[in-house]
N, C-alpha and C. Protein backbone atom coordinates (compact mmCIF):
# COMPACT_ATOMS: atom_id res chain seq x y z
N MET A 1 4.60 -0.59 -15.39
CA MET A 1 4.35 0.80 -15.09
C MET A 1 2.84 1.11 -15.11
N ALA A 2 2.15 0.47 -16.02
CA ALA A 2 0.71 0.70 -16.09
C ALA A 2 0.00 0.22 -14.83
N ASP A 3 0.56 -0.84 -14.22
CA ASP A 3 -0.02 -1.32 -12.96
C ASP A 3 0.04 -0.22 -11.91
N LEU A 4 1.19 0.45 -11.82
CA LEU A 4 1.35 1.52 -10.84
C LEU A 4 0.43 2.69 -11.17
N ASP A 5 0.34 3.05 -12.44
CA ASP A 5 -0.57 4.12 -12.85
C ASP A 5 -2.01 3.78 -12.49
N GLY A 6 -2.38 2.53 -12.72
CA GLY A 6 -3.73 2.07 -12.39
C GLY A 6 -4.00 2.16 -10.90
N LYS A 7 -3.04 1.72 -10.10
CA LYS A 7 -3.20 1.78 -8.64
C LYS A 7 -3.31 3.23 -8.17
N LEU A 8 -2.47 4.10 -8.74
CA LEU A 8 -2.52 5.52 -8.35
C LEU A 8 -3.88 6.14 -8.70
N ASP A 9 -4.40 5.79 -9.87
CA ASP A 9 -5.72 6.29 -10.26
C ASP A 9 -6.80 5.79 -9.31
N GLN A 10 -6.67 4.54 -8.88
CA GLN A 10 -7.65 3.98 -7.95
C GLN A 10 -7.61 4.70 -6.62
N VAL A 11 -6.40 4.94 -6.11
CA VAL A 11 -6.25 5.64 -4.82
C VAL A 11 -6.76 7.08 -4.94
N LYS A 12 -6.40 7.74 -6.04
CA LYS A 12 -6.87 9.10 -6.27
C LYS A 12 -8.40 9.12 -6.35
N GLY A 13 -8.95 8.13 -7.03
CA GLY A 13 -10.40 8.04 -7.15
C GLY A 13 -11.07 7.80 -5.81
N ASP A 14 -10.48 6.94 -4.99
CA ASP A 14 -11.02 6.69 -3.65
C ASP A 14 -11.07 7.99 -2.84
N ALA A 15 -9.97 8.75 -2.92
CA ALA A 15 -9.90 10.01 -2.17
C ALA A 15 -10.94 11.00 -2.67
N LYS A 16 -11.06 11.14 -3.98
CA LYS A 16 -12.04 12.08 -4.54
C LYS A 16 -13.46 11.66 -4.17
N GLU A 17 -13.73 10.37 -4.27
CA GLU A 17 -15.07 9.90 -3.95
C GLU A 17 -15.40 10.17 -2.48
N ALA A 18 -14.45 9.90 -1.59
CA ALA A 18 -14.67 10.13 -0.16
C ALA A 18 -14.86 11.62 0.13
N LEU A 19 -14.03 12.45 -0.48
CA LEU A 19 -14.16 13.90 -0.28
C LEU A 19 -15.50 14.40 -0.82
N GLY A 20 -15.88 13.89 -1.97
CA GLY A 20 -17.17 14.28 -2.55
C GLY A 20 -18.33 13.85 -1.68
N ASP A 21 -18.21 12.67 -1.07
CA ASP A 21 -19.25 12.17 -0.18
C ASP A 21 -19.35 13.04 1.07
N VAL A 22 -18.20 13.36 1.66
CA VAL A 22 -18.18 14.16 2.89
C VAL A 22 -18.71 15.57 2.65
N THR A 23 -18.36 16.13 1.50
CA THR A 23 -18.77 17.52 1.20
C THR A 23 -20.09 17.58 0.44
N ASP A 24 -20.70 16.43 0.21
CA ASP A 24 -21.95 16.34 -0.55
C ASP A 24 -21.80 16.93 -1.95
N ASN A 25 -20.63 16.69 -2.54
CA ASN A 25 -20.33 17.16 -3.89
C ASN A 25 -20.42 15.96 -4.83
N LYS A 26 -21.56 15.78 -5.46
CA LYS A 26 -21.82 14.62 -6.31
C LYS A 26 -20.89 14.58 -7.52
N SER A 27 -20.55 15.76 -8.04
CA SER A 27 -19.66 15.82 -9.19
C SER A 27 -18.28 15.25 -8.83
N LEU A 28 -17.73 15.65 -7.70
CA LEU A 28 -16.43 15.15 -7.26
C LEU A 28 -16.52 13.66 -6.93
N GLU A 29 -17.60 13.26 -6.33
CA GLU A 29 -17.81 11.85 -6.01
C GLU A 29 -17.83 11.01 -7.29
N ASN A 30 -18.54 11.47 -8.30
CA ASN A 30 -18.60 10.75 -9.58
C ASN A 30 -17.26 10.76 -10.30
N GLU A 31 -16.54 11.88 -10.20
CA GLU A 31 -15.21 11.95 -10.79
C GLU A 31 -14.28 10.91 -10.14
N GLY A 32 -14.41 10.75 -8.84
CA GLY A 32 -13.63 9.74 -8.13
C GLY A 32 -13.97 8.34 -8.60
N LYS A 33 -15.24 8.07 -8.79
CA LYS A 33 -15.66 6.75 -9.28
C LYS A 33 -15.09 6.50 -10.67
N ALA A 34 -15.09 7.55 -11.51
CA ALA A 34 -14.55 7.42 -12.86
C ALA A 34 -13.04 7.16 -12.81
N ASP A 35 -12.33 7.84 -11.92
CA ASP A 35 -10.90 7.61 -11.76
C ASP A 35 -10.63 6.17 -11.32
N GLN A 36 -11.44 5.67 -10.41
CA GLN A 36 -11.28 4.28 -9.95
C GLN A 36 -11.48 3.30 -11.11
N LEU A 37 -12.50 3.55 -11.90
CA LEU A 37 -12.78 2.68 -13.04
C LEU A 37 -11.64 2.73 -14.04
N GLY A 38 -11.13 3.94 -14.30
CA GLY A 38 -10.00 4.07 -15.22
C GLY A 38 -8.78 3.32 -14.71
N GLY A 39 -8.56 3.40 -13.41
CA GLY A 39 -7.44 2.66 -12.81
C GLY A 39 -7.62 1.16 -12.93
N ASP A 40 -8.84 0.69 -12.72
CA ASP A 40 -9.12 -0.74 -12.86
C ASP A 40 -8.84 -1.20 -14.29
N ILE A 41 -9.27 -0.39 -15.25
CA ILE A 41 -9.07 -0.73 -16.66
C ILE A 41 -7.59 -0.78 -17.00
N LYS A 42 -6.83 0.22 -16.56
CA LYS A 42 -5.39 0.23 -16.81
C LYS A 42 -4.72 -1.01 -16.23
N GLU A 43 -5.12 -1.37 -15.03
CA GLU A 43 -4.53 -2.52 -14.37
C GLU A 43 -4.85 -3.82 -15.13
N LYS A 44 -6.09 -3.97 -15.54
CA LYS A 44 -6.50 -5.19 -16.25
C LYS A 44 -5.82 -5.28 -17.62
N LEU A 45 -5.69 -4.14 -18.31
CA LEU A 45 -5.02 -4.15 -19.61
C LEU A 45 -3.54 -4.52 -19.45
N SER A 46 -2.93 -4.03 -18.41
CA SER A 46 -1.52 -4.36 -18.15
C SER A 46 -1.37 -5.85 -17.87
N GLU A 47 -2.27 -6.40 -17.07
CA GLU A 47 -2.24 -7.83 -16.77
C GLU A 47 -2.45 -8.66 -18.03
N ALA A 48 -3.37 -8.23 -18.88
CA ALA A 48 -3.63 -8.95 -20.13
C ALA A 48 -2.41 -8.89 -21.04
N GLY A 49 -1.78 -7.72 -21.12
CA GLY A 49 -0.58 -7.57 -21.93
C GLY A 49 0.54 -8.47 -21.43
N ASP A 50 0.70 -8.55 -20.12
CA ASP A 50 1.73 -9.42 -19.55
C ASP A 50 1.44 -10.88 -19.88
N ALA A 51 0.19 -11.28 -19.81
CA ALA A 51 -0.19 -12.66 -20.11
C ALA A 51 0.10 -12.98 -21.58
N ILE A 52 -0.18 -12.04 -22.46
CA ILE A 52 0.08 -12.24 -23.90
C ILE A 52 1.58 -12.37 -24.14
N LYS A 53 2.36 -11.51 -23.51
CA LYS A 53 3.82 -11.59 -23.66
C LYS A 53 4.35 -12.92 -23.15
N ASP A 54 3.85 -13.36 -22.01
CA ASP A 54 4.29 -14.64 -21.45
C ASP A 54 3.98 -15.79 -22.41
N LYS A 55 2.79 -15.78 -22.97
CA LYS A 55 2.38 -16.85 -23.89
C LYS A 55 3.22 -16.79 -25.17
N ALA A 56 3.48 -15.60 -25.68
CA ALA A 56 4.30 -15.46 -26.88
C ALA A 56 5.71 -15.98 -26.63
N ASN A 57 6.26 -15.67 -25.46
CA ASN A 57 7.60 -16.17 -25.13
C ASN A 57 7.61 -17.69 -25.00
N GLU A 58 6.54 -18.24 -24.44
CA GLU A 58 6.43 -19.69 -24.31
C GLU A 58 6.40 -20.35 -25.68
N VAL A 59 5.61 -19.80 -26.60
CA VAL A 59 5.51 -20.35 -27.95
C VAL A 59 6.84 -20.21 -28.67
N ALA A 60 7.48 -19.05 -28.53
CA ALA A 60 8.78 -18.84 -29.18
C ALA A 60 9.81 -19.84 -28.66
N GLY A 61 9.76 -20.12 -27.36
CA GLY A 61 10.67 -21.11 -26.79
C GLY A 61 10.43 -22.49 -27.35
N LYS A 62 9.18 -22.87 -27.53
CA LYS A 62 8.86 -24.18 -28.09
C LYS A 62 9.31 -24.28 -29.55
N ILE A 63 9.15 -23.20 -30.30
CA ILE A 63 9.59 -23.19 -31.70
C ILE A 63 11.11 -23.33 -31.75
N GLN A 64 11.81 -22.62 -30.89
CA GLN A 64 13.27 -22.70 -30.85
C GLN A 64 13.72 -24.11 -30.47
N ASP A 65 13.04 -24.70 -29.49
CA ASP A 65 13.37 -26.08 -29.08
C ASP A 65 13.18 -27.04 -30.24
N ALA A 66 12.09 -26.87 -30.99
CA ALA A 66 11.82 -27.74 -32.14
C ALA A 66 12.89 -27.57 -33.20
N ARG A 67 13.34 -26.36 -33.44
CA ARG A 67 14.40 -26.11 -34.41
C ARG A 67 15.71 -26.74 -33.96
N ASP A 68 15.99 -26.64 -32.67
CA ASP A 68 17.24 -27.18 -32.12
C ASP A 68 17.27 -28.70 -32.23
N GLU A 69 16.11 -29.35 -32.17
CA GLU A 69 16.04 -30.80 -32.27
C GLU A 69 16.34 -31.27 -33.68
N ASN A 70 16.08 -30.45 -34.66
CA ASN A 70 16.29 -30.86 -36.07
C ASN A 70 17.62 -30.48 -36.53
């Protein structure tokens, strides 16, 4: 879900930045850049969380396999 939130923030940020650029509104343009950055961060954190979960599941599987062998 965080991936989707991150993507939505990026798209929203792109739109704000473009609108700010067209209207020469630096505040809106900067707000759009901030939204894009926030979206990037959400996406990267979600990816990192998924990687940690995958590794934890892999380790748990190896521990279970070792127990089953004994």
